[in-house]
């Protein structure tokens, strides 16, 4: 795993500990629609439907979206089994994660 991705996952861990992450399709969608999501991350191995839905939704609500890692990686980073999607709620953490993602 590349060091940048490791940094992203460690920041996701920090966001989880500070209760600034919601994960799973339903809660991620809810966070975006309620303007609480500062950043959305979708796993690269998520279904095409899931990717399309979140891409459209994030474009509409002007929330940055990234596709990175596998479902197991994303889940592991936030202490769950696997997750196809998650939203970062804290703007500062989202900015730090986005900065790392842009380097990839």
C-alpha atoms as a PDB file:
ATOM      1  CA  UNK A   1       0.000   0.000   0.000  1.00  0.00           C
ATOM      2  CA  UNK A   2       1.382   3.392  -0.885  1.00  0.00           C
ATOM      3  CA  UNK A   3       2.302   5.802   1.964  1.00  0.00           C
ATOM      4  CA  UNK A   4      -0.226   8.419   0.849  1.00  0.00           C
ATOM      5  CA  UNK A   5      -3.062   5.900   1.075  1.00  0.00           C
ATOM      6  CA  UNK A   6      -1.798   4.841   4.522  1.00  0.00           C
ATOM      7  CA  UNK A   7      -1.959   8.486   5.612  1.00  0.00           C
ATOM      8  CA  UNK A   8      -5.522   8.778   4.263  1.00  0.00           C
ATOM      9  CA  UNK A   9      -6.589   5.682   6.209  1.00  0.00           C
ATOM     10  CA  UNK A  10      -4.913   6.914   9.393  1.00  0.00           C
ATOM     11  CA  UNK A  11      -6.736  10.249   9.054  1.00  0.00           C
ATOM     12  CA  UNK A  12      -9.988   8.308   8.565  1.00  0.00           C
ATOM     13  CA  UNK A  13      -9.189   6.495  11.821  1.00  0.00           C
ATOM     14  CA  UNK A  14      -8.760   9.819  13.613  1.00  0.00           C
ATOM     15  CA  UNK A  15     -12.027  11.090  12.113  1.00  0.00           C
ATOM     16  CA  UNK A  16     -13.770   7.922  13.320  1.00  0.00           C
ATOM     17  CA  UNK A  17     -12.448   8.315  16.880  1.00  0.00           C
ATOM     18  CA  UNK A  18     -13.683  11.910  16.967  1.00  0.00           C
ATOM     19  CA  UNK A  19     -17.133  10.855  15.686  1.00  0.00           C
ATOM     20  CA  UNK A  20     -16.709  12.693  12.386  1.00  0.00           C
ATOM     21  CA  UNK A  21     -17.438   9.767  10.063  1.00  0.00           C
ATOM     22  CA  UNK A  22     -20.663   8.225   8.899  1.00  0.00           C
ATOM     23  CA  UNK A  23     -20.444   5.102   6.790  1.00  0.00           C
ATOM     24  CA  UNK A  24     -22.673   2.870   4.755  1.00  0.00           C
ATOM     25  CA  UNK A  25     -24.801   3.899   1.809  1.00  0.00           C
ATOM     26  CA  UNK A  26     -27.824   5.136   3.777  1.00  0.00           C
ATOM     27  CA  UNK A  27     -25.959   7.291   6.325  1.00  0.00           C
ATOM     28  CA  UNK A  28     -23.529   8.667   3.729  1.00  0.00           C
ATOM     29  CA  UNK A  29     -26.440   9.685   1.506  1.00  0.00           C
ATOM     30  CA  UNK A  30     -28.237  11.277   4.463  1.00  0.00           C
ATOM     31  CA  UNK A  31     -25.118  13.288   5.443  1.00  0.00           C
ATOM     32  CA  UNK A  32     -24.723  14.614   1.886  1.00  0.00           C
ATOM     33  CA  UNK A  33     -28.380  15.590   1.556  1.00  0.00           C
ATOM     34  CA  UNK A  34     -28.375  17.324   4.946  1.00  0.00           C
ATOM     35  CA  UNK A  35     -25.243  19.298   3.965  1.00  0.00           C
ATOM     36  CA  UNK A  36     -23.242  17.679   6.769  1.00  0.00           C
ATOM     37  CA  UNK A  37     -20.735  15.828   4.573  1.00  0.00           C
ATOM     38  CA  UNK A  38     -17.480  17.674   3.850  1.00  0.00           C
ATOM     39  CA  UNK A  39     -16.025  14.811   1.817  1.00  0.00           C
ATOM     40  CA  UNK A  40     -17.268  11.489   0.439  1.00  0.00           C
ATOM     41  CA  UNK A  41     -15.061   8.472  -0.207  1.00  0.00           C
ATOM     42  CA  UNK A  42     -16.343   5.500  -2.197  1.00  0.00           C
ATOM     43  CA  UNK A  43     -14.437   2.230  -2.509  1.00  0.00           C
ATOM     44  CA  UNK A  44     -12.987   1.423  -5.921  1.00  0.00           C
ATOM     45  CA  UNK A  45     -14.682  -1.980  -5.820  1.00  0.00           C
ATOM     46  CA  UNK A  46     -18.120  -0.554  -5.009  1.00  0.00           C
ATOM     47  CA  UNK A  47     -20.853  -1.379  -7.515  1.00  0.00           C
ATOM     48  CA  UNK A  48     -21.219   0.817 -10.595  1.00  0.00           C
ATOM     49  CA  UNK A  49     -24.673   1.817  -9.343  1.00  0.00           C
ATOM     50  CA  UNK A  50     -23.243   2.987  -6.020  1.00  0.00           C
ATOM     51  CA  UNK A  51     -20.463   4.952  -7.734  1.00  0.00           C
ATOM     52  CA  UNK A  52     -22.897   6.582 -10.155  1.00  0.00           C
ATOM     53  CA  UNK A  53     -25.408   7.459  -7.423  1.00  0.00           C
ATOM     54  CA  UNK A  54     -22.780   9.103  -5.205  1.00  0.00           C
ATOM     55  CA  UNK A  55     -21.074  10.855  -8.139  1.00  0.00           C
ATOM     56  CA  UNK A  56     -24.380  12.425  -9.203  1.00  0.00           C
ATOM     57  CA  UNK A  57     -25.399  13.279  -5.649  1.00  0.00           C
ATOM     58  CA  UNK A  58     -22.037  14.813  -4.723  1.00  0.00           C
ATOM     59  CA  UNK A  59     -21.971  16.827  -7.934  1.00  0.00           C
ATOM     60  CA  UNK A  60     -25.457  18.159  -7.204  1.00  0.00           C
ATOM     61  CA  UNK A  61     -24.703  19.007  -3.553  1.00  0.00           C
ATOM     62  CA  UNK A  62     -21.151  20.205  -4.395  1.00  0.00           C
ATOM     63  CA  UNK A  63     -19.417  17.731  -2.074  1.00  0.00           C
ATOM     64  CA  UNK A  64     -15.950  16.505  -3.102  1.00  0.00           C
ATOM     65  CA  UNK A  65     -15.945  12.775  -3.874  1.00  0.00           C
ATOM     66  CA  UNK A  66     -13.017  10.387  -4.247  1.00  0.00           C
ATOM     67  CA  UNK A  67     -12.728   6.742  -5.201  1.00  0.00           C
ATOM     68  CA  UNK A  68      -9.940   5.059  -3.287  1.00  0.00           C
ATOM     69  CA  UNK A  69      -9.113   1.792  -1.608  1.00  0.00           C
ATOM     70  CA  UNK A  70     -11.172  -1.360  -1.492  1.00  0.00           C
ATOM     71  CA  UNK A  71     -14.267  -1.950   0.635  1.00  0.00           C
ATOM     72  CA  UNK A  72     -12.206  -3.997   3.105  1.00  0.00           C
ATOM     73  CA  UNK A  73      -9.553  -1.225   3.341  1.00  0.00           C
ATOM     74  CA  UNK A  74     -12.144   1.486   3.977  1.00  0.00           C
ATOM     75  CA  UNK A  75     -13.928  -0.668   6.540  1.00  0.00           C
ATOM     76  CA  UNK A  76     -10.680  -1.580   8.272  1.00  0.00           C
ATOM     77  CA  UNK A  77      -9.620   2.091   8.444  1.00  0.00           C
ATOM     78  CA  UNK A  78     -12.761   2.970  10.417  1.00  0.00           C
ATOM     79  CA  UNK A  79     -12.879  -0.199  12.518  1.00  0.00           C
ATOM     80  CA  UNK A  80     -15.639  -1.980  10.595  1.00  0.00           C
ATOM     81  CA  UNK A  81     -15.636  -5.075   8.434  1.00  0.00           C
ATOM     82  CA  UNK A  82     -16.124  -3.463   5.032  1.00  0.00           C
ATOM     83  CA  UNK A  83     -17.651  -0.251   3.769  1.00  0.00           C
ATOM     84  CA  UNK A  84     -18.365   0.838   0.199  1.00  0.00           C
ATOM     85  CA  UNK A  85     -18.963   4.477   1.125  1.00  0.00           C
ATOM     86  CA  UNK A  86     -18.313   6.932   3.916  1.00  0.00           C
ATOM     87  CA  UNK A  87     -18.629  10.645   4.550  1.00  0.00           C
ATOM     88  CA  UNK A  88     -16.272  12.822   6.575  1.00  0.00           C
ATOM     89  CA  UNK A  89     -18.265  15.407   8.529  1.00  0.00           C
ATOM     90  CA  UNK A  90     -15.475  17.626   9.873  1.00  0.00           C
ATOM     91  CA  UNK A  91     -14.243  20.242   7.366  1.00  0.00           C
ATOM     92  CA  UNK A  92     -10.688  20.364   8.761  1.00  0.00           C
ATOM     93  CA  UNK A  93     -10.240  16.602   8.652  1.00  0.00           C
ATOM     94  CA  UNK A  94     -11.876  16.464   5.223  1.00  0.00           C
ATOM     95  CA  UNK A  95      -9.408  19.067   3.925  1.00  0.00           C
ATOM     96  CA  UNK A  96      -6.446  17.129   5.335  1.00  0.00           C
ATOM     97  CA  UNK A  97      -7.697  13.886   3.757  1.00  0.00           C
ATOM     98  CA  UNK A  98      -8.442  15.586   0.441  1.00  0.00           C
ATOM     99  CA  UNK A  99      -4.943  17.055   0.355  1.00  0.00           C
ATOM    100  CA  UNK A 100      -3.517  13.525   0.648  1.00  0.00           C
ATOM    101  CA  UNK A 101      -5.929  12.140  -1.957  1.00  0.00           C
ATOM    102  CA  UNK A 102      -4.885  14.815  -4.460  1.00  0.00           C
ATOM    103  CA  UNK A 103      -1.278  13.635  -4.178  1.00  0.00           C
ATOM    104  CA  UNK A 104      -2.178  10.161  -5.380  1.00  0.00           C
END
